[in-house]
Amino acid sequence: MAAAAGRRASGGGDRRQQILGCAAQLFATRGFHGVSVDDLGGAAGVTGPALYRHFRAKEDILAELLVGVSQRLLDGGRGRAQGAEDAAQALAALIEFHVEFALDEPDVITVQERDLASLPQGAKQAVRALQHEYVSVWADVVERVCGCNRERAVAAAHAAFGLMNSTPHSARLPRAQMAALLRDMADAALRAVAGASSKDPVREAGRDGVDPR
């Protein structure tokens, strides 16, 4: 009996993940408001009302999708950074981790960009808080590698995310080639911060005899 209960629990978890995967595809294609409960049920192979055994409402599916991916990114990013021997290895590990995510889950990236505003307020705040922590993991490493200040490190991390999260539109090469391209571009962009941060435009203008005002 216990084994049967365990199989039922496992099956329920599998079905829940299946629904989330179908939801990501449909939301990315049609937008959150363009997808009905019946659409989700049909894609997942269950009746629409049967979805309510797993989620109370369509908004809960969106919330679990986006809060869940934000938590996975934070946990994975922390693990990669903490497991590295030095800052350079940590940066390489973070880039590789995020590139793999971006190639694996372009639909989630699209949903995140377009439908975040459709989340209930509490879920939206949770996503923002998790994202803030994830950016902090990256900024800590970028500061150490590039010797820049915190503000520049945070801006650089966001810029790198924009590049890597372009996969819904840019992933036109075989996976291995696309992964290598994104890794190289993200690494070059982040390391360029070191050179940029060493230059003060006002000071440079003054050295050239130009009134910086």
N, C-alpha and C. Protein backbone atom coordinates (compact mmCIF):
# COMPACT_ATOMS: atom_id res chain seq x y z
N MET A 1 0.83 -1.21 0.00
CA MET A 1 0.00 0.00 0.00
C MET A 1 0.86 1.26 0.00
N ALA A 2 1.93 1.23 0.83
CA ALA A 2 2.83 2.38 0.88
C ALA A 2 3.48 2.60 -0.47
N ALA A 3 3.89 1.49 -1.12
CA ALA A 3 4.52 1.61 -2.43
C ALA A 3 3.56 2.20 -3.45
N ALA A 4 2.29 1.77 -3.39
CA ALA A 4 1.29 2.31 -4.31
C ALA A 4 1.08 3.79 -4.08
N ALA A 5 1.05 4.17 -2.80
CA ALA A 5 0.89 5.59 -2.48
C ALA A 5 2.07 6.39 -3.01
N GLY A 6 3.27 5.80 -2.88
CA GLY A 6 4.45 6.49 -3.39
C GLY A 6 4.39 6.68 -4.90
N ARG A 7 3.90 5.62 -5.61
CA ARG A 7 3.78 5.74 -7.06
C ARG A 7 2.76 6.79 -7.44
N ARG A 8 1.65 6.87 -6.69
CA ARG A 8 0.64 7.88 -6.98
C ARG A 8 1.21 9.29 -6.76
N ALA A 9 1.96 9.45 -5.67
CA ALA A 9 2.56 10.77 -5.40
C ALA A 9 3.54 11.14 -6.49
N SER A 10 4.36 10.14 -6.92
CA SER A 10 5.33 10.40 -7.97
C SER A 10 4.63 10.75 -9.28
N GLY A 11 3.54 9.98 -9.57
CA GLY A 11 2.80 10.26 -10.78
C GLY A 11 2.18 11.64 -10.77
N GLY A 12 1.68 12.06 -9.60
CA GLY A 12 1.13 13.40 -9.49
C GLY A 12 2.17 14.47 -9.74
N GLY A 13 3.38 14.23 -9.22
CA GLY A 13 4.46 15.18 -9.45
C GLY A 13 4.85 15.25 -10.91
N ASP A 14 4.88 14.10 -11.57
CA ASP A 14 5.20 14.06 -13.00
C ASP A 14 4.14 14.82 -13.80
N ARG A 15 2.88 14.60 -13.46
CA ARG A 15 1.80 15.28 -14.16
C ARG A 15 1.90 16.80 -13.96
N ARG A 16 2.23 17.20 -12.74
CA ARG A 16 2.38 18.62 -12.45
C ARG A 16 3.48 19.23 -13.32
N GLN A 17 4.60 18.54 -13.42
CA GLN A 17 5.70 19.04 -14.26
C GLN A 17 5.30 19.06 -15.73
N GLN A 18 4.53 18.06 -16.15
CA GLN A 18 4.05 18.04 -17.53
C GLN A 18 3.17 19.24 -17.82
N ILE A 19 2.28 19.55 -16.88
CA ILE A 19 1.41 20.71 -17.05
C ILE A 19 2.24 21.99 -17.14
N LEU A 20 3.24 22.12 -16.29
CA LEU A 20 4.10 23.32 -16.32
C LEU A 20 4.84 23.44 -17.65
N GLY A 21 5.33 22.30 -18.16
CA GLY A 21 6.02 22.33 -19.44
C GLY A 21 5.10 22.74 -20.58
N CYS A 22 3.88 22.19 -20.59
CA CYS A 22 2.90 22.57 -21.61
C CYS A 22 2.52 24.04 -21.48
N ALA A 23 2.37 24.48 -20.24
CA ALA A 23 2.01 25.88 -20.00
C ALA A 23 3.08 26.83 -20.53
N ALA A 24 4.35 26.49 -20.31
CA ALA A 24 5.44 27.34 -20.80
C ALA A 24 5.36 27.47 -22.32
N GLN A 25 5.12 26.36 -23.01
CA GLN A 25 5.04 26.40 -24.47
C GLN A 25 3.85 27.23 -24.95
N LEU A 26 2.69 26.99 -24.33
CA LEU A 26 1.49 27.71 -24.76
C LEU A 26 1.56 29.20 -24.41
N PHE A 27 2.01 29.51 -23.20
CA PHE A 27 2.11 30.93 -22.80
C PHE A 27 3.10 31.66 -23.70
N ALA A 28 4.21 30.99 -24.05
CA ALA A 28 5.21 31.62 -24.91
C ALA A 28 4.65 31.89 -26.30
N THR A 29 3.81 30.98 -26.80
CA THR A 29 3.28 31.10 -28.15
C THR A 29 2.12 32.09 -28.22
N ARG A 30 1.20 32.02 -27.24
CA ARG A 30 -0.05 32.80 -27.33
C ARG A 30 -0.15 33.92 -26.29
N GLY A 31 0.71 33.91 -25.30
CA GLY A 31 0.56 34.84 -24.20
C GLY A 31 -0.33 34.25 -23.13
N PHE A 32 -0.11 34.66 -21.89
CA PHE A 32 -0.87 34.10 -20.76
C PHE A 32 -2.37 34.25 -20.96
N HIS A 33 -2.80 35.44 -21.38
CA HIS A 33 -4.23 35.70 -21.49
C HIS A 33 -4.85 35.05 -22.74
N GLY A 34 -4.01 34.55 -23.63
CA GLY A 34 -4.52 33.88 -24.82
C GLY A 34 -4.68 32.38 -24.66
N VAL A 35 -4.43 31.87 -23.46
CA VAL A 35 -4.49 30.43 -23.21
C VAL A 35 -5.57 30.17 -22.16
N SER A 36 -6.45 29.23 -22.45
CA SER A 36 -7.52 28.87 -21.51
C SER A 36 -7.14 27.63 -20.72
N VAL A 37 -7.91 27.37 -19.67
CA VAL A 37 -7.70 26.16 -18.89
C VAL A 37 -7.90 24.92 -19.76
N ASP A 38 -8.88 24.96 -20.66
CA ASP A 38 -9.11 23.84 -21.56
C ASP A 38 -7.93 23.64 -22.50
N ASP A 39 -7.32 24.74 -22.95
CA ASP A 39 -6.12 24.63 -23.80
C ASP A 39 -5.00 23.91 -23.05
N LEU A 40 -4.80 24.28 -21.79
CA LEU A 40 -3.76 23.67 -20.98
C LEU A 40 -4.05 22.19 -20.76
N GLY A 41 -5.30 21.89 -20.45
CA GLY A 41 -5.66 20.51 -20.23
C GLY A 41 -5.47 19.66 -21.47
N GLY A 42 -5.89 20.19 -22.63
CA GLY A 42 -5.72 19.46 -23.87
C GLY A 42 -4.26 19.18 -24.18
N ALA A 43 -3.40 20.17 -23.97
CA ALA A 43 -1.98 19.99 -24.24
C ALA A 43 -1.34 18.98 -23.30
N ALA A 44 -1.83 18.95 -22.05
CA ALA A 44 -1.25 18.05 -21.05
C ALA A 44 -1.93 16.68 -21.04
N GLY A 45 -2.99 16.53 -21.85
CA GLY A 45 -3.65 15.24 -21.92
C GLY A 45 -4.62 14.97 -20.79
N VAL A 46 -5.15 16.03 -20.20
CA VAL A 46 -6.17 15.88 -19.14
C VAL A 46 -7.31 16.82 -19.46
N THR A 47 -8.46 16.61 -18.86
CA THR A 47 -9.56 17.55 -19.03
C THR A 47 -9.23 18.84 -18.30
N GLY A 48 -9.76 19.94 -18.81
CA GLY A 48 -9.50 21.23 -18.16
C GLY A 48 -9.79 21.22 -16.68
N PRO A 49 -10.99 20.77 -16.27
CA PRO A 49 -11.28 20.76 -14.83
C PRO A 49 -10.32 19.91 -14.01
N ALA A 50 -9.74 18.88 -14.63
CA ALA A 50 -8.81 18.02 -13.89
C ALA A 50 -7.54 18.78 -13.48
N LEU A 51 -7.26 19.88 -14.17
CA LEU A 51 -6.10 20.70 -13.79
C LEU A 51 -6.23 21.20 -12.36
N TYR A 52 -7.47 21.38 -11.91
CA TYR A 52 -7.67 21.96 -10.58
C TYR A 52 -7.28 20.99 -9.46
N ARG A 53 -7.01 19.75 -9.81
CA ARG A 53 -6.44 18.83 -8.81
C ARG A 53 -4.98 19.16 -8.54
N HIS A 54 -4.35 19.88 -9.46
CA HIS A 54 -2.93 20.21 -9.33
C HIS A 54 -2.70 21.71 -9.06
N PHE A 55 -3.55 22.55 -9.61
CA PHE A 55 -3.41 24.00 -9.46
C PHE A 55 -4.79 24.61 -9.22
N ARG A 56 -4.85 25.58 -8.33
CA ARG A 56 -6.14 26.19 -8.01
C ARG A 56 -6.66 27.06 -9.14
N ALA A 57 -5.73 27.66 -9.90
CA ALA A 57 -6.15 28.58 -10.96
C ALA A 57 -5.02 28.69 -11.98
N LYS A 58 -5.34 29.24 -13.12
CA LYS A 58 -4.32 29.42 -14.17
C LYS A 58 -3.19 30.31 -13.68
N GLU A 59 -3.52 31.30 -12.85
CA GLU A 59 -2.49 32.20 -12.31
C GLU A 59 -1.49 31.44 -11.44
N ASP A 60 -1.94 30.38 -10.78
CA ASP A 60 -1.03 29.58 -9.95
C ASP A 60 -0.03 28.82 -10.81
N ILE A 61 -0.44 28.43 -12.01
CA ILE A 61 0.49 27.77 -12.93
C ILE A 61 1.58 28.74 -13.34
N LEU A 62 1.19 29.94 -13.71
CA LEU A 62 2.17 30.97 -14.08
C LEU A 62 3.10 31.27 -12.92
N ALA A 63 2.53 31.37 -11.71
CA ALA A 63 3.34 31.68 -10.54
C ALA A 63 4.37 30.58 -10.27
N GLU A 64 3.93 29.32 -10.31
CA GLU A 64 4.88 28.25 -10.05
C GLU A 64 5.95 28.18 -11.13
N LEU A 65 5.56 28.46 -12.36
CA LEU A 65 6.52 28.45 -13.46
C LEU A 65 7.62 29.49 -13.24
N LEU A 66 7.24 30.72 -12.95
CA LEU A 66 8.22 31.81 -12.87
C LEU A 66 8.93 31.88 -11.52
N VAL A 67 8.23 31.63 -10.43
CA VAL A 67 8.91 31.57 -9.14
C VAL A 67 9.86 30.38 -9.12
N GLY A 68 9.40 29.26 -9.68
CA GLY A 68 10.23 28.06 -9.70
C GLY A 68 11.52 28.25 -10.47
N VAL A 69 11.45 28.85 -11.64
CA VAL A 69 12.67 29.02 -12.43
C VAL A 69 13.60 30.03 -11.77
N SER A 70 13.03 31.04 -11.12
CA SER A 70 13.87 32.02 -10.42
C SER A 70 14.62 31.36 -9.26
N GLN A 71 13.94 30.46 -8.55
CA GLN A 71 14.59 29.75 -7.44
C GLN A 71 15.67 28.81 -7.96
N ARG A 72 15.40 28.12 -9.07
CA ARG A 72 16.39 27.20 -9.63
C ARG A 72 17.63 27.95 -10.11
N LEU A 73 17.43 29.12 -10.70
CA LEU A 73 18.57 29.91 -11.13
C LEU A 73 19.41 30.36 -9.94
N LEU A 74 18.74 30.83 -8.89
CA LEU A 74 19.47 31.28 -7.71
C LEU A 74 20.25 30.12 -7.08
N ASP A 75 19.59 28.99 -6.88
CA ASP A 75 20.25 27.85 -6.25
C ASP A 75 21.41 27.36 -7.11
N GLY A 76 21.18 27.27 -8.41
CA GLY A 76 22.24 26.81 -9.30
C GLY A 76 23.41 27.78 -9.37
N GLY A 77 23.08 29.07 -9.44
CA GLY A 77 24.14 30.08 -9.51
C GLY A 77 24.99 30.09 -8.25
N ARG A 78 24.34 30.02 -7.10
CA ARG A 78 25.10 29.98 -5.85
C ARG A 78 26.00 28.74 -5.80
N GLY A 79 25.46 27.61 -6.22
CA GLY A 79 26.25 26.39 -6.19
C GLY A 79 27.47 26.47 -7.08
N ARG A 80 27.30 27.04 -8.28
CA ARG A 80 28.44 27.17 -9.20
C ARG A 80 29.49 28.12 -8.64
N ALA A 81 29.04 29.25 -8.12
CA ALA A 81 29.98 30.24 -7.60
C ALA A 81 30.73 29.72 -6.38
N GLN A 82 30.03 29.07 -5.48
CA GLN A 82 30.66 28.57 -4.25
C GLN A 82 31.57 27.38 -4.51
N GLY A 83 31.30 26.64 -5.57
CA GLY A 83 32.11 25.46 -5.86
C GLY A 83 33.36 25.76 -6.66
N ALA A 84 33.56 26.99 -7.08
CA ALA A 84 34.72 27.35 -7.89
C ALA A 84 35.93 27.64 -7.01
N GLU A 85 37.11 27.41 -7.55
CA GLU A 85 38.35 27.62 -6.79
C GLU A 85 38.73 29.09 -6.71
N ASP A 86 38.37 29.87 -7.71
CA ASP A 86 38.70 31.30 -7.70
C ASP A 86 37.63 32.05 -8.49
N ALA A 87 37.78 33.38 -8.55
CA ALA A 87 36.76 34.21 -9.18
C ALA A 87 36.65 33.94 -10.67
N ALA A 88 37.77 33.70 -11.34
CA ALA A 88 37.74 33.44 -12.77
C ALA A 88 36.97 32.16 -13.08
N GLN A 89 37.20 31.12 -12.30
CA GLN A 89 36.45 29.88 -12.47
C GLN A 89 34.98 30.06 -12.14
N ALA A 90 34.70 30.87 -11.14
CA ALA A 90 33.31 31.14 -10.78
C ALA A 90 32.57 31.83 -11.92
N LEU A 91 33.23 32.79 -12.56
CA LEU A 91 32.61 33.49 -13.68
C LEU A 91 32.34 32.53 -14.83
N ALA A 92 33.31 31.70 -15.15
CA ALA A 92 33.11 30.72 -16.23
C ALA A 92 31.98 29.76 -15.90
N ALA A 93 31.91 29.34 -14.64
CA ALA A 93 30.86 28.39 -14.24
C ALA A 93 29.48 29.05 -14.30
N LEU A 94 29.38 30.31 -13.88
CA LEU A 94 28.10 31.01 -13.94
C LEU A 94 27.65 31.19 -15.39
N ILE A 95 28.57 31.57 -16.25
CA ILE A 95 28.23 31.75 -17.66
C ILE A 95 27.74 30.44 -18.26
N GLU A 96 28.48 29.36 -18.02
CA GLU A 96 28.08 28.07 -18.57
C GLU A 96 26.70 27.66 -18.06
N PHE A 97 26.47 27.85 -16.77
CA PHE A 97 25.19 27.50 -16.16
C PHE A 97 24.05 28.28 -16.80
N HIS A 98 24.21 29.58 -16.96
CA HIS A 98 23.11 30.38 -17.48
C HIS A 98 22.90 30.11 -18.97
N VAL A 99 23.96 29.89 -19.71
CA VAL A 99 23.80 29.56 -21.13
C VAL A 99 23.01 28.27 -21.29
N GLU A 100 23.31 27.27 -20.47
CA GLU A 100 22.56 26.01 -20.55
C GLU A 100 21.09 26.24 -20.24
N PHE A 101 20.82 27.05 -19.23
CA PHE A 101 19.42 27.39 -18.93
C PHE A 101 18.75 28.06 -20.12
N ALA A 102 19.43 29.05 -20.71
CA ALA A 102 18.83 29.82 -21.80
C ALA A 102 18.55 28.95 -23.01
N LEU A 103 19.39 27.96 -23.26
CA LEU A 103 19.17 27.06 -24.39
C LEU A 103 18.11 26.02 -24.08
N ASP A 104 18.02 25.62 -22.81
CA ASP A 104 17.03 24.61 -22.41
C ASP A 104 15.62 25.18 -22.32
N GLU A 105 15.50 26.45 -21.93
CA GLU A 105 14.18 26.98 -21.57
C GLU A 105 13.87 28.34 -22.22
N PRO A 106 13.98 28.42 -23.55
CA PRO A 106 13.65 29.70 -24.19
C PRO A 106 12.20 30.10 -24.01
N ASP A 107 11.29 29.11 -23.90
CA ASP A 107 9.88 29.45 -23.68
C ASP A 107 9.69 30.16 -22.35
N VAL A 108 10.38 29.70 -21.32
CA VAL A 108 10.25 30.34 -20.01
C VAL A 108 10.79 31.77 -20.06
N ILE A 109 11.86 31.98 -20.81
CA ILE A 109 12.41 33.33 -20.95
C ILE A 109 11.36 34.25 -21.59
N THR A 110 10.70 33.75 -22.63
CA THR A 110 9.66 34.55 -23.30
C THR A 110 8.52 34.87 -22.34
N VAL A 111 8.07 33.88 -21.59
CA VAL A 111 6.98 34.09 -20.64
C VAL A 111 7.38 35.10 -19.57
N GLN A 112 8.60 34.96 -19.08
CA GLN A 112 9.11 35.87 -18.05
C GLN A 112 9.09 37.31 -18.55
N GLU A 113 9.54 37.52 -19.76
CA GLU A 113 9.64 38.87 -20.30
C GLU A 113 8.27 39.48 -20.57
N ARG A 114 7.33 38.64 -21.02
CA ARG A 114 6.05 39.17 -21.48
C ARG A 114 4.95 39.14 -20.43
N ASP A 115 4.96 38.12 -19.57
CA ASP A 115 3.81 37.89 -18.71
C ASP A 115 4.07 38.06 -17.22
N LEU A 116 5.22 38.60 -16.85
CA LEU A 116 5.50 38.81 -15.43
C LEU A 116 4.43 39.68 -14.79
N ALA A 117 3.94 40.66 -15.52
CA ALA A 117 2.94 41.57 -14.97
C ALA A 117 1.62 40.87 -14.66
N SER A 118 1.41 39.69 -15.23
CA SER A 118 0.16 38.95 -14.99
C SER A 118 0.18 38.14 -13.70
N LEU A 119 1.33 38.09 -13.04
CA LEU A 119 1.43 37.35 -11.79
C LEU A 119 0.66 38.03 -10.67
N PRO A 120 0.11 37.26 -9.74
CA PRO A 120 -0.42 37.86 -8.51
C PRO A 120 0.70 38.62 -7.80
N GLN A 121 0.33 39.63 -7.03
CA GLN A 121 1.33 40.52 -6.45
C GLN A 121 2.36 39.79 -5.61
N GLY A 122 1.91 38.84 -4.79
CA GLY A 122 2.86 38.13 -3.94
C GLY A 122 3.88 37.34 -4.73
N ALA A 123 3.42 36.67 -5.78
CA ALA A 123 4.34 35.90 -6.63
C ALA A 123 5.29 36.82 -7.38
N LYS A 124 4.78 37.96 -7.81
CA LYS A 124 5.63 38.92 -8.52
C LYS A 124 6.75 39.41 -7.60
N GLN A 125 6.41 39.70 -6.35
CA GLN A 125 7.43 40.14 -5.39
C GLN A 125 8.44 39.04 -5.13
N ALA A 126 7.98 37.80 -5.07
CA ALA A 126 8.90 36.67 -4.85
C ALA A 126 9.87 36.53 -6.01
N VAL A 127 9.37 36.66 -7.24
CA VAL A 127 10.24 36.58 -8.41
C VAL A 127 11.28 37.69 -8.37
N ARG A 128 10.84 38.90 -8.08
CA ARG A 128 11.77 40.03 -8.05
C ARG A 128 12.84 39.84 -6.97
N ALA A 129 12.44 39.34 -5.82
CA ALA A 129 13.41 39.13 -4.74
C ALA A 129 14.43 38.06 -5.13
N LEU A 130 13.98 36.98 -5.73
CA LEU A 130 14.89 35.92 -6.16
C LEU A 130 15.83 36.41 -7.27
N GLN A 131 15.29 37.18 -8.19
CA GLN A 131 16.11 37.74 -9.25
C GLN A 131 17.19 38.67 -8.69
N HIS A 132 16.80 39.48 -7.71
CA HIS A 132 17.76 40.39 -7.08
C HIS A 132 18.92 39.61 -6.46
N GLU A 133 18.60 38.50 -5.79
CA GLU A 133 19.65 37.69 -5.18
C GLU A 133 20.53 37.05 -6.25
N TYR A 134 19.93 36.62 -7.35
CA TYR A 134 20.71 36.00 -8.43
C TYR A 134 21.66 37.02 -9.05
N VAL A 135 21.18 38.23 -9.28
CA VAL A 135 22.06 39.28 -9.80
C VAL A 135 23.20 39.54 -8.82
N SER A 136 22.92 39.50 -7.53
CA SER A 136 23.96 39.73 -6.52
C SER A 136 25.05 38.67 -6.59
N VAL A 137 24.66 37.42 -6.83
CA VAL A 137 25.66 36.35 -6.98
C VAL A 137 26.61 36.69 -8.13
N TRP A 138 26.04 37.09 -9.25
CA TRP A 138 26.86 37.47 -10.41
C TRP A 138 27.70 38.71 -10.12
N ALA A 139 27.10 39.73 -9.52
CA ALA A 139 27.82 40.97 -9.28
C ALA A 139 29.01 40.75 -8.35
N ASP A 140 28.86 39.89 -7.35
CA ASP A 140 29.98 39.58 -6.46
C ASP A 140 31.17 39.06 -7.26
N VAL A 141 30.89 38.16 -8.21
CA VAL A 141 31.96 37.55 -9.00
C VAL A 141 32.54 38.56 -9.99
N VAL A 142 31.69 39.33 -10.64
CA VAL A 142 32.17 40.31 -11.62
C VAL A 142 33.05 41.36 -10.93
N GLU A 143 32.67 41.79 -9.75
CA GLU A 143 33.51 42.73 -9.00
C GLU A 143 34.91 42.17 -8.78
N ARG A 144 34.98 40.91 -8.39
CA ARG A 144 36.27 40.29 -8.08
C ARG A 144 37.11 40.09 -9.34
N VAL A 145 36.47 39.72 -10.43
CA VAL A 145 37.22 39.46 -11.66
C VAL A 145 37.67 40.76 -12.32
N CYS A 146 36.79 41.74 -12.34
CA CYS A 146 37.03 42.95 -13.13
C CYS A 146 37.53 44.14 -12.31
N GLY A 147 37.44 44.05 -10.99
CA GLY A 147 37.90 45.15 -10.16
C GLY A 147 37.07 46.41 -10.31
N CYS A 148 35.78 46.24 -10.64
CA CYS A 148 34.91 47.40 -10.83
C CYS A 148 34.05 47.62 -9.59
N ASN A 149 33.33 48.73 -9.56
CA ASN A 149 32.47 49.00 -8.42
C ASN A 149 31.16 48.23 -8.54
N ARG A 150 30.38 48.27 -7.47
CA ARG A 150 29.16 47.46 -7.43
C ARG A 150 28.15 47.87 -8.49
N GLU A 151 27.98 49.16 -8.66
CA GLU A 151 26.99 49.63 -9.63
C GLU A 151 27.31 49.13 -11.03
N ARG A 152 28.59 49.20 -11.39
CA ARG A 152 29.00 48.74 -12.72
C ARG A 152 28.86 47.22 -12.83
N ALA A 153 29.17 46.51 -11.77
CA ALA A 153 29.07 45.05 -11.80
C ALA A 153 27.62 44.60 -11.99
N VAL A 154 26.69 45.26 -11.31
CA VAL A 154 25.27 44.93 -11.46
C VAL A 154 24.80 45.23 -12.88
N ALA A 155 25.20 46.39 -13.41
CA ALA A 155 24.80 46.74 -14.77
C ALA A 155 25.37 45.74 -15.77
N ALA A 156 26.60 45.32 -15.55
CA ALA A 156 27.23 44.36 -16.46
C ALA A 156 26.52 43.01 -16.41
N ALA A 157 26.13 42.58 -15.22
CA ALA A 157 25.40 41.32 -15.09
C ALA A 157 24.09 41.37 -15.86
N HIS A 158 23.35 42.47 -15.72
CA HIS A 158 22.08 42.59 -16.44
C HIS A 158 22.31 42.58 -17.95
N ALA A 159 23.37 43.26 -18.40
CA ALA A 159 23.68 43.27 -19.83
C ALA A 159 24.00 41.87 -20.34
N ALA A 160 24.75 41.11 -19.54
CA ALA A 160 25.09 39.75 -19.92
C ALA A 160 23.85 38.86 -19.98
N PHE A 161 22.92 39.06 -19.04
CA PHE A 161 21.67 38.30 -19.08
C PHE A 161 20.91 38.59 -20.39
N GLY A 162 20.90 39.86 -20.78
CA GLY A 162 20.22 40.21 -22.02
C GLY A 162 20.80 39.48 -23.21
N LEU A 163 22.11 39.35 -23.22
CA LEU A 163 22.77 38.63 -24.31
C LEU A 163 22.43 37.14 -24.27
N MET A 164 22.60 36.52 -23.12
CA MET A 164 22.37 35.08 -23.01
C MET A 164 20.90 34.72 -23.15
N ASN A 165 20.03 35.60 -22.68
CA ASN A 165 18.59 35.33 -22.74
C ASN A 165 17.99 35.65 -24.11
N SER A 166 18.84 35.88 -25.09
CA SER A 166 18.36 36.15 -26.45
C SER A 166 17.97 34.88 -27.19
N THR A 167 18.10 33.73 -26.56
CA THR A 167 17.91 32.46 -27.26
C THR A 167 16.54 32.28 -27.92
N PRO A 168 15.44 32.88 -27.41
CA PRO A 168 14.19 32.72 -28.16
C PRO A 168 14.28 33.23 -29.59
N HIS A 169 15.25 34.11 -29.85
CA HIS A 169 15.40 34.70 -31.19
C HIS A 169 16.73 34.32 -31.85
N SER A 170 17.78 34.14 -31.04
CA SER A 170 19.13 34.00 -31.60
C SER A 170 19.61 32.57 -31.78
N ALA A 171 18.93 31.59 -31.17
CA ALA A 171 19.44 30.22 -31.19
C ALA A 171 19.19 29.57 -32.55
N ARG A 172 20.05 29.90 -33.52
CA ARG A 172 19.88 29.43 -34.89
C ARG A 172 20.98 28.48 -35.32
N LEU A 173 21.91 28.21 -34.43
CA LEU A 173 23.01 27.29 -34.73
C LEU A 173 22.76 25.98 -34.01
N PRO A 174 23.46 24.90 -34.41
CA PRO A 174 23.41 23.68 -33.60
C PRO A 174 23.76 23.99 -32.15
N ARG A 175 23.18 23.23 -31.25
CA ARG A 175 23.27 23.58 -29.83
C ARG A 175 24.70 23.81 -29.35
N ALA A 176 25.60 22.91 -29.67
CA ALA A 176 26.98 23.04 -29.17
C ALA A 176 27.62 24.32 -29.69
N GLN A 177 27.36 24.66 -30.94
CA GLN A 177 27.93 25.88 -31.50
C GLN A 177 27.30 27.12 -30.88
N MET A 178 25.99 27.06 -30.67
CA MET A 178 25.32 28.21 -30.07
C MET A 178 25.77 28.42 -28.63
N ALA A 179 25.95 27.32 -27.91
CA ALA A 179 26.41 27.43 -26.52
C ALA A 179 27.80 28.05 -26.47
N ALA A 180 28.69 27.60 -27.35
CA ALA A 180 30.05 28.15 -27.37
C ALA A 180 30.03 29.63 -27.72
N LEU A 181 29.20 30.01 -28.70
CA LEU A 181 29.10 31.42 -29.10
C LEU A 181 28.62 32.29 -27.94
N LEU A 182 27.57 31.85 -27.27
CA LEU A 182 27.03 32.64 -26.15
C LEU A 182 28.02 32.72 -25.00
N ARG A 183 28.70 31.61 -24.70
CA ARG A 183 29.71 31.65 -23.63
C ARG A 183 30.81 32.64 -23.96
N ASP A 184 31.33 32.58 -25.18
CA ASP A 184 32.44 33.46 -25.57
C ASP A 184 32.00 34.93 -25.55
N MET A 185 30.80 35.19 -26.06
CA MET A 185 30.34 36.58 -26.10
C MET A 185 30.08 37.12 -24.70
N ALA A 186 29.47 36.31 -23.84
CA ALA A 186 29.21 36.77 -22.48
C ALA A 186 30.50 37.00 -21.72
N ASP A 187 31.46 36.09 -21.88
CA ASP A 187 32.75 36.25 -21.19
C ASP A 187 33.46 37.52 -21.66
N ALA A 188 33.47 37.74 -22.99
CA ALA A 188 34.15 38.93 -23.52
C ALA A 188 33.46 40.21 -23.05
N ALA A 189 32.13 40.19 -23.03
CA ALA A 189 31.40 41.38 -22.61
C ALA A 189 31.67 41.71 -21.14
N LEU A 190 31.66 40.69 -20.30
CA LEU A 190 31.87 40.94 -18.87
C LEU A 190 33.31 41.35 -18.58
N ARG A 191 34.26 40.74 -19.26
CA ARG A 191 35.65 41.10 -19.01
C ARG A 191 35.98 42.48 -19.56
N ALA A 192 35.22 42.96 -20.53
CA ALA A 192 35.42 44.32 -21.04
C ALA A 192 35.14 45.36 -19.97
N VAL A 193 34.38 44.99 -18.95
CA VAL A 193 34.08 45.92 -17.86
C VAL A 193 35.35 46.36 -17.16
N ALA A 194 36.33 45.46 -17.09
CA ALA A 194 37.59 45.80 -16.40
C ALA A 194 38.28 46.96 -17.10
N GLY A 195 38.32 46.90 -18.44
CA GLY A 195 38.94 47.99 -19.18
C GLY A 195 38.12 49.25 -19.12
N ALA A 196 36.80 49.12 -19.22
CA ALA A 196 35.94 50.29 -19.20
C ALA A 196 35.97 50.98 -17.85
N SER A 197 36.05 50.19 -16.76
CA SER A 197 36.00 50.79 -15.43
C SER A 197 37.28 51.51 -15.08
N SER A 198 38.36 51.23 -15.83
CA SER A 198 39.64 51.90 -15.54
C SER A 198 39.70 53.28 -16.16
N LYS A 199 38.70 53.61 -16.97
CA LYS A 199 38.69 54.90 -17.66
C LYS A 199 37.60 55.81 -17.09
N ASP A 200 37.99 56.95 -16.66
CA ASP A 200 37.05 57.96 -16.17
C ASP A 200 36.88 58.98 -17.30
N PRO A 201 35.74 59.06 -17.97
CA PRO A 201 35.57 59.97 -19.11
C PRO A 201 35.88 61.43 -18.77
N VAL A 202 35.51 61.87 -17.57
CA VAL A 202 35.78 63.26 -17.19
C VAL A 202 37.27 63.50 -17.07
N ARG A 203 37.97 62.54 -16.40
CA ARG A 203 39.40 62.67 -16.23
C ARG A 203 40.13 62.59 -17.57
N GLU A 204 39.69 61.67 -18.44
CA GLU A 204 40.32 61.53 -19.74
C GLU A 204 40.15 62.80 -20.56
N ALA A 205 38.97 63.42 -20.48
CA ALA A 205 38.75 64.65 -21.24
C ALA A 205 39.67 65.75 -20.75
N GLY A 206 39.86 65.83 -19.44
CA GLY A 206 40.74 66.83 -18.88
C GLY A 206 42.19 66.65 -19.32
N ARG A 207 42.63 65.39 -19.41
CA ARG A 207 43.99 65.10 -19.84
C ARG A 207 44.23 65.54 -21.28
N ASP A 208 43.15 65.48 -22.09
CA ASP A 208 43.29 65.84 -23.49
C ASP A 208 43.15 67.34 -23.72
N GLY A 209 43.08 68.10 -22.63
CA GLY A 209 42.97 69.54 -22.75
C GLY A 209 41.57 70.02 -23.06
N VAL A 210 40.59 69.13 -22.88
CA VAL A 210 39.19 69.49 -23.15
C VAL A 210 38.52 69.80 -21.82
N ASP A 211 37.78 70.88 -21.81
CA ASP A 211 37.03 71.23 -20.60
C ASP A 211 35.92 70.23 -20.42
N PRO A 212 35.95 69.35 -19.38
CA PRO A 212 34.94 68.32 -19.20
C PRO A 212 33.56 68.88 -18.92
N ARG A 213 33.45 70.16 -18.64
CA ARG A 213 32.13 70.75 -18.39
C ARG A 213 31.45 71.07 -19.69
